[in-house]
Amino acid sequence: MAVITTDRTRIRRAREVENALASVRMEGLEPSDEAKAMFQRYIDGDLTSEDLDRAFDRYFDRKYGPVRLPSDERS
């Protein structure tokens, strides 16, 4: 679901993504092109934060297989 993204919101989202990527890189990892594309869709307003979470859940399920968690921790 696309949302209206103001310049201020786009800047805030870009900062959030930069911080997340910096954290990952400090661990010696580099996000895949697919992960970077999902983050860009979030910055652009094509994804809400909830959409982004679900997109990453599906991405990790495809990449590593489903992770079984108690039903109240993941929908």
N, C-alpha and C. Protein backbone atom coordinates (compact mmCIF):
# COMPACT_ATOMS: atom_id res chain seq x y z
N MET A 1 0.84 -1.16 0.00
CA MET A 1 0.00 0.00 0.00
C MET A 1 0.89 1.24 0.00
N ALA A 2 0.74 2.08 -0.99
CA ALA A 2 1.52 3.30 -1.07
C ALA A 2 0.95 4.32 -0.09
N VAL A 3 1.83 5.08 0.49
CA VAL A 3 1.43 6.14 1.41
C VAL A 3 1.97 7.46 0.90
N ILE A 4 1.33 8.55 1.29
CA ILE A 4 1.82 9.86 0.92
C ILE A 4 3.08 10.13 1.74
N THR A 5 4.17 10.42 1.04
CA THR A 5 5.44 10.61 1.72
C THR A 5 5.92 12.04 1.49
N THR A 6 5.94 12.82 2.54
CA THR A 6 6.43 14.19 2.45
C THR A 6 7.96 14.16 2.44
N ASP A 7 8.56 15.29 2.08
CA ASP A 7 10.02 15.37 2.10
C ASP A 7 10.56 15.10 3.49
N ARG A 8 9.87 15.61 4.50
CA ARG A 8 10.31 15.40 5.88
C ARG A 8 10.25 13.92 6.24
N THR A 9 9.18 13.25 5.84
CA THR A 9 9.05 11.82 6.11
C THR A 9 10.11 11.03 5.36
N ARG A 10 10.34 11.40 4.12
CA ARG A 10 11.36 10.70 3.32
C ARG A 10 12.74 10.86 3.97
N ILE A 11 13.06 12.05 4.45
CA ILE A 11 14.35 12.29 5.11
C ILE A 11 14.45 11.46 6.39
N ARG A 12 13.37 11.41 7.17
CA ARG A 12 13.37 10.62 8.41
C ARG A 12 13.56 9.14 8.10
N ARG A 13 12.85 8.67 7.10
CA ARG A 13 12.96 7.26 6.72
C ARG A 13 14.36 6.94 6.21
N ALA A 14 14.93 7.83 5.42
CA ALA A 14 16.29 7.61 4.90
C ALA A 14 17.28 7.54 6.06
N ARG A 15 17.10 8.39 7.05
CA ARG A 15 17.98 8.37 8.23
C ARG A 15 17.82 7.05 8.99
N GLU A 16 16.58 6.57 9.13
CA GLU A 16 16.35 5.28 9.80
C GLU A 16 17.07 4.16 9.06
N VAL A 17 16.96 4.17 7.74
CA VAL A 17 17.59 3.13 6.93
C VAL A 17 19.11 3.24 7.02
N GLU A 18 19.64 4.45 6.96
CA GLU A 18 21.09 4.63 7.08
C GLU A 18 21.60 4.06 8.40
N ASN A 19 20.88 4.31 9.47
CA ASN A 19 21.27 3.78 10.78
C ASN A 19 21.22 2.26 10.81
N ALA A 20 20.17 1.68 10.23
CA ALA A 20 20.06 0.22 10.19
C ALA A 20 21.19 -0.39 9.37
N LEU A 21 21.49 0.21 8.22
CA LEU A 21 22.57 -0.31 7.37
C LEU A 21 23.92 -0.16 8.05
N ALA A 22 24.13 0.95 8.75
CA ALA A 22 25.40 1.14 9.47
C ALA A 22 25.57 0.07 10.53
N SER A 23 24.50 -0.27 11.22
CA SER A 23 24.56 -1.30 12.25
C SER A 23 24.94 -2.65 11.66
N VAL A 24 24.31 -2.98 10.54
CA VAL A 24 24.60 -4.25 9.86
C VAL A 24 26.05 -4.28 9.39
N ARG A 25 26.50 -3.17 8.83
CA ARG A 25 27.87 -3.11 8.31
C ARG A 25 28.90 -3.17 9.44
N MET A 26 28.56 -2.64 10.61
CA MET A 26 29.47 -2.74 11.75
C MET A 26 29.69 -4.19 12.15
N GLU A 27 28.72 -5.04 11.83
CA GLU A 27 28.84 -6.47 12.11
C GLU A 27 29.61 -7.20 11.01
N GLY A 28 30.06 -6.43 10.01
CA GLY A 28 30.84 -7.02 8.93
C GLY A 28 30.00 -7.60 7.82
N LEU A 29 28.73 -7.23 7.77
CA LEU A 29 27.82 -7.76 6.76
C LEU A 29 27.47 -6.67 5.75
N GLU A 30 27.07 -7.08 4.58
CA GLU A 30 26.59 -6.15 3.56
C GLU A 30 25.23 -6.63 3.09
N PRO A 31 24.21 -5.77 3.19
CA PRO A 31 22.87 -6.16 2.75
C PRO A 31 22.86 -6.49 1.25
N SER A 32 22.01 -7.43 0.90
CA SER A 32 21.87 -7.80 -0.51
C SER A 32 21.22 -6.67 -1.29
N ASP A 33 21.32 -6.75 -2.61
CA ASP A 33 20.65 -5.77 -3.46
C ASP A 33 19.15 -5.80 -3.25
N GLU A 34 18.60 -7.01 -3.02
CA GLU A 34 17.16 -7.13 -2.79
C GLU A 34 16.76 -6.42 -1.50
N ALA A 35 17.56 -6.57 -0.45
CA ALA A 35 17.27 -5.89 0.82
C ALA A 35 17.36 -4.38 0.65
N LYS A 36 18.37 -3.92 -0.05
CA LYS A 36 18.52 -2.48 -0.29
C LYS A 36 17.32 -1.94 -1.08
N ALA A 37 16.83 -2.72 -2.03
CA ALA A 37 15.68 -2.30 -2.82
C ALA A 37 14.43 -2.19 -1.95
N MET A 38 14.27 -3.13 -1.00
CA MET A 38 13.12 -3.05 -0.09
C MET A 38 13.22 -1.80 0.78
N PHE A 39 14.42 -1.50 1.27
CA PHE A 39 14.60 -0.29 2.06
C PHE A 39 14.27 0.95 1.23
N GLN A 40 14.68 0.96 -0.03
CA GLN A 40 14.40 2.12 -0.88
C GLN A 40 12.90 2.29 -1.10
N ARG A 41 12.19 1.19 -1.26
CA ARG A 41 10.73 1.26 -1.41
C ARG A 41 10.10 1.85 -0.15
N TYR A 42 10.66 1.53 1.02
CA TYR A 42 10.17 2.12 2.27
C TYR A 42 10.43 3.63 2.28
N ILE A 43 11.64 4.03 1.93
CA ILE A 43 11.98 5.45 1.89
C ILE A 43 11.06 6.19 0.93
N ASP A 44 10.80 5.60 -0.22
CA ASP A 44 9.97 6.24 -1.25
C ASP A 44 8.49 6.28 -0.90
N GLY A 45 8.08 5.53 0.13
CA GLY A 45 6.68 5.53 0.53
C GLY A 45 5.86 4.44 -0.12
N ASP A 46 6.52 3.53 -0.84
CA ASP A 46 5.80 2.41 -1.45
C ASP A 46 5.43 1.35 -0.41
N LEU A 47 6.15 1.33 0.71
CA LEU A 47 5.90 0.37 1.79
C LEU A 47 5.77 1.13 3.11
N THR A 48 4.85 0.69 3.94
CA THR A 48 4.80 1.17 5.32
C THR A 48 5.83 0.38 6.11
N SER A 49 6.06 0.76 7.36
CA SER A 49 7.01 0.00 8.17
C SER A 49 6.50 -1.43 8.39
N GLU A 50 5.18 -1.59 8.51
CA GLU A 50 4.61 -2.94 8.66
C GLU A 50 4.80 -3.75 7.38
N ASP A 51 4.61 -3.10 6.23
CA ASP A 51 4.84 -3.77 4.95
C ASP A 51 6.30 -4.21 4.83
N LEU A 52 7.20 -3.34 5.27
CA LEU A 52 8.63 -3.65 5.20
C LEU A 52 8.95 -4.85 6.08
N ASP A 53 8.39 -4.88 7.28
CA ASP A 53 8.60 -6.04 8.16
C ASP A 53 8.14 -7.33 7.49
N ARG A 54 6.96 -7.30 6.89
CA ARG A 54 6.43 -8.50 6.22
C ARG A 54 7.29 -8.87 5.01
N ALA A 55 7.77 -7.87 4.28
CA ALA A 55 8.62 -8.13 3.12
C ALA A 55 9.91 -8.82 3.55
N PHE A 56 10.48 -8.35 4.66
CA PHE A 56 11.70 -8.99 5.16
C PHE A 56 11.42 -10.39 5.69
N ASP A 57 10.28 -10.60 6.33
CA ASP A 57 9.92 -11.95 6.77
C ASP A 57 9.88 -12.90 5.58
N ARG A 58 9.22 -12.48 4.50
CA ARG A 58 9.14 -13.33 3.30
C ARG A 58 10.53 -13.54 2.68
N TYR A 59 11.33 -12.49 2.64
CA TYR A 59 12.68 -12.57 2.09
C TYR A 59 13.52 -13.59 2.87
N PHE A 60 13.50 -13.49 4.20
CA PHE A 60 14.29 -14.41 5.00
C PHE A 60 13.74 -15.84 4.93
N ASP A 61 12.43 -15.99 4.81
CA ASP A 61 11.85 -17.32 4.63
C ASP A 61 12.36 -17.95 3.33
N ARG A 62 12.40 -17.16 2.26
CA ARG A 62 12.91 -17.67 0.98
C ARG A 62 14.39 -18.00 1.07
N LYS A 63 15.14 -17.14 1.72
CA LYS A 63 16.59 -17.29 1.76
C LYS A 63 17.04 -18.39 2.72
N TYR A 64 16.41 -18.48 3.88
CA TYR A 64 16.88 -19.40 4.92
C TYR A 64 15.86 -20.45 5.33
N GLY A 65 14.66 -20.37 4.80
CA GLY A 65 13.61 -21.29 5.20
C GLY A 65 12.83 -20.68 6.34
N PRO A 66 11.60 -21.14 6.52
CA PRO A 66 10.75 -20.57 7.58
C PRO A 66 11.33 -20.83 8.96
N VAL A 67 11.20 -19.85 9.81
CA VAL A 67 11.63 -19.97 11.20
C VAL A 67 10.37 -20.15 12.04
N ARG A 68 10.34 -21.16 12.84
CA ARG A 68 9.17 -21.45 13.66
C ARG A 68 9.27 -20.68 14.98
N LEU A 69 8.32 -19.78 15.19
CA LEU A 69 8.24 -19.02 16.43
C LEU A 69 6.86 -19.24 17.04
N PRO A 70 6.76 -19.03 18.36
CA PRO A 70 5.42 -19.10 18.96
C PRO A 70 4.48 -18.16 18.22
N SER A 71 3.24 -18.53 18.13
CA SER A 71 2.26 -17.80 17.32
C SER A 71 2.09 -16.35 17.74
N ASP A 72 2.37 -16.02 18.98
CA ASP A 72 2.18 -14.63 19.39
C ASP A 72 3.37 -13.75 19.04
N GLU A 73 4.45 -14.30 18.51
CA GLU A 73 5.63 -13.51 18.16
C GLU A 73 5.72 -13.19 16.69
N ARG A 74 4.98 -13.89 15.86
CA ARG A 74 5.05 -13.64 14.42
C ARG A 74 3.74 -14.05 13.79
N SER A 75 3.21 -13.15 12.98
CA SER A 75 1.94 -13.48 12.32
C SER A 75 2.15 -13.77 10.86
